[in-house]
Amino acid sequence: MNCAWTHRVLAVMVLLWLGSCASAVRYRTDTMTAPPDGTLKTGTRMRGMASYYHDEFHGRRTASGEIFQQHHLTAAHQTLPLGTLVRVVNLKNGRSVVVRINDRGPFVGGRILDVSRAAAEKLGMLADGLANVEMIILDLPP
C-alpha cells in the first residue's frame, strides 16, 4: 500500500466518524416555506392529528434557531411562518392552549402539528400521544 492512499482512507474514516458525532437535526428547513402572501390570515382554521415532541428533543435547536424547551408552549408546523400564534383545541375533550410555532414538522403522514410536552399536558393528550385537533391562527408575525 502506498502512503498517499493510506492517508486518504484514514481521512475519509475520520470525517465519517466526526459526522456521526453531530447531533441529529430535529427538522429539515430546506424545503419548508410558508404559503404565498395573502393566503393566511387570523381566524384561519385547520383540523387534523397532532402529536407531541418526545423528551429526547429537549435542549436541541429548532428551525427558528432557539433551543427547544419541553416546558414552553411551542409547536412545530410544516408551513406556518415561524412565530405564528395558534390556539389548539383537542376535539375529544375541548381543552385548548395557545402555542407559538418555532419549528418545522411533523414529518409523519397524517399529522399537522407537533406540540411541546407542556402543551400536550394542557391539551390532555399525554397518555395517547396523539389528538384530533383544530388549530386557529391568532396572530401572524410581521
Protein backbone atom coordinates (compact mmCIF):
# COMPACT_ATOMS: atom_id res chain seq x y z
CA MET A 1 0.00 0.00 0.00
CA ASN A 2 1.34 3.42 -0.82
CA CYS A 3 1.34 6.19 1.78
CA ALA A 4 -0.94 8.62 -0.11
CA TRP A 5 -3.71 6.02 -0.43
CA THR A 6 -3.47 5.18 3.27
CA HIS A 7 -3.75 8.87 4.21
CA ARG A 8 -6.86 9.29 2.03
CA VAL A 9 -8.56 6.27 3.57
CA LEU A 10 -7.68 7.49 7.05
CA ALA A 11 -9.00 11.00 6.27
CA VAL A 12 -12.32 9.58 4.99
CA MET A 13 -12.68 7.41 8.11
CA VAL A 14 -12.05 10.40 10.39
CA LEU A 15 -14.61 12.52 8.51
CA LEU A 16 -17.21 9.75 8.75
CA TRP A 17 -16.53 9.35 12.46
CA LEU A 18 -16.82 13.11 13.09
CA GLY A 19 -20.04 13.26 11.10
CA SER A 20 -21.57 10.52 13.22
CA CYS A 21 -20.87 12.57 16.36
CA ALA A 22 -23.02 15.52 15.25
CA SER A 23 -26.37 15.86 16.96
CA ALA A 24 -29.40 14.91 14.90
CA VAL A 25 -31.37 17.74 13.34
CA ARG A 26 -34.99 17.68 14.51
CA TYR A 27 -36.49 19.03 11.32
CA ARG A 28 -35.47 19.98 7.81
CA THR A 29 -35.87 23.62 6.89
CA ASP A 30 -34.58 23.49 3.31
CA THR A 31 -37.91 22.63 1.65
CA MET A 32 -40.27 24.26 4.12
CA THR A 33 -41.79 27.52 3.00
CA ALA A 34 -44.80 29.50 4.07
CA PRO A 35 -47.75 29.79 1.69
CA PRO A 36 -47.81 32.82 -0.66
CA ASP A 37 -48.59 36.18 0.96
CA GLY A 38 -52.26 36.85 1.50
CA THR A 39 -53.37 33.22 1.74
CA LEU A 40 -53.13 33.12 5.54
CA LYS A 41 -54.99 35.38 7.91
CA THR A 42 -56.00 35.45 11.54
CA GLY A 43 -59.02 33.28 12.18
CA THR A 44 -57.98 30.63 9.64
CA ARG A 45 -58.88 27.17 10.97
CA MET A 46 -57.26 23.83 10.24
CA ARG A 47 -58.12 20.37 11.53
CA GLY A 48 -56.02 17.26 11.79
CA MET A 49 -53.98 14.99 14.01
CA ALA A 50 -51.43 16.40 16.45
CA SER A 51 -48.63 14.61 18.26
CA TYR A 52 -46.14 15.82 20.83
CA TYR A 53 -42.36 16.06 20.88
CA HIS A 54 -40.55 13.29 22.63
CA ASP A 55 -38.38 14.31 25.60
CA GLU A 56 -35.20 13.44 23.67
CA PHE A 57 -35.54 16.69 21.68
CA HIS A 58 -35.38 18.87 24.82
CA GLY A 59 -32.35 21.14 24.53
CA ARG A 60 -31.90 20.78 20.77
CA ARG A 61 -32.05 23.67 18.33
CA THR A 62 -35.33 24.28 16.49
CA ALA A 63 -35.82 25.62 12.96
CA SER A 64 -36.25 29.12 14.41
CA GLY A 65 -32.78 28.86 15.95
CA GLU A 66 -33.97 28.76 19.53
CA ILE A 67 -33.41 25.84 21.88
CA PHE A 68 -36.42 23.54 22.29
CA GLN A 69 -37.77 23.64 25.83
CA GLN A 70 -40.36 20.94 26.53
CA HIS A 71 -41.91 23.07 29.28
CA HIS A 72 -42.67 26.03 26.98
CA LEU A 73 -45.87 26.33 24.96
CA THR A 74 -44.48 25.85 21.46
CA ALA A 75 -45.20 23.70 18.42
CA ALA A 76 -43.93 22.63 15.01
CA HIS A 77 -45.86 23.06 11.77
CA GLN A 78 -44.63 22.38 8.25
CA THR A 79 -45.60 25.67 6.60
CA LEU A 80 -46.94 28.28 9.03
CA PRO A 81 -44.49 31.16 9.45
CA LEU A 82 -42.22 30.80 12.46
CA GLY A 83 -43.57 32.99 15.26
CA THR A 84 -47.23 32.39 14.39
CA LEU A 85 -49.52 32.08 17.43
CA VAL A 86 -52.24 29.44 17.19
CA ARG A 87 -54.93 28.20 19.54
CA VAL A 88 -55.03 24.41 19.53
CA VAL A 89 -58.25 22.71 20.64
CA ASN A 90 -58.40 19.00 21.47
CA LEU A 91 -61.66 17.96 19.77
CA LYS A 92 -62.10 14.96 22.09
CA ASN A 93 -62.16 16.86 25.38
CA GLY A 94 -62.49 20.56 24.43
CA ARG A 95 -59.27 21.57 26.20
CA SER A 96 -57.23 24.27 24.46
CA VAL A 97 -53.87 26.01 24.60
CA VAL A 98 -52.13 28.83 22.73
CA VAL A 99 -48.75 27.86 21.25
CA ARG A 100 -46.11 29.67 19.20
CA ILE A 101 -44.79 27.96 16.07
CA ASN A 102 -41.00 27.75 16.42
CA ASP A 103 -40.12 24.61 14.47
CA ARG A 104 -40.85 22.61 11.33
CA GLY A 105 -42.68 19.31 11.24
CA PRO A 106 -44.16 16.87 11.87
CA PHE A 107 -42.91 14.72 9.04
CA VAL A 108 -45.23 11.79 9.75
CA GLY A 109 -48.10 11.27 7.36
CA GLY A 110 -51.48 12.46 8.54
CA ARG A 111 -50.18 14.82 11.25
CA ILE A 112 -50.45 18.60 11.10
CA LEU A 113 -48.83 19.68 14.35
CA ASP A 114 -46.21 18.61 16.89
CA VAL A 115 -46.71 20.30 20.27
CA SER A 116 -44.36 20.56 23.24
CA ARG A 117 -44.86 18.34 26.28
CA ALA A 118 -46.28 21.30 28.25
CA ALA A 119 -48.85 21.98 25.51
CA ALA A 120 -49.71 18.26 25.29
CA GLU A 121 -50.32 18.21 29.03
CA LYS A 122 -52.70 21.19 28.84
CA LEU A 123 -54.50 19.51 25.91
CA GLY A 124 -54.87 16.25 27.87
CA MET A 125 -53.09 14.17 25.23
CA LEU A 126 -50.05 12.83 27.11
CA ALA A 127 -51.49 9.35 27.63
CA ASP A 128 -52.49 8.81 24.00
CA GLY A 129 -49.64 10.79 22.41
CA LEU A 130 -52.00 11.87 19.62
CA ALA A 131 -55.11 14.02 19.45
CA ASN A 132 -57.52 15.16 16.79
CA VAL A 133 -57.26 18.96 16.98
CA GLU A 134 -58.44 22.20 15.47
CA MET A 135 -55.88 24.99 15.04
CA ILE A 136 -56.98 28.61 14.84
CA ILE A 137 -54.45 31.25 13.73
CA LEU A 138 -54.46 34.05 16.30
CA ASP A 139 -51.51 36.16 15.16
CA LEU A 140 -49.09 36.09 12.23
CA PRO A 141 -45.61 37.57 12.51
CA PRO A 142 -44.94 40.80 10.59
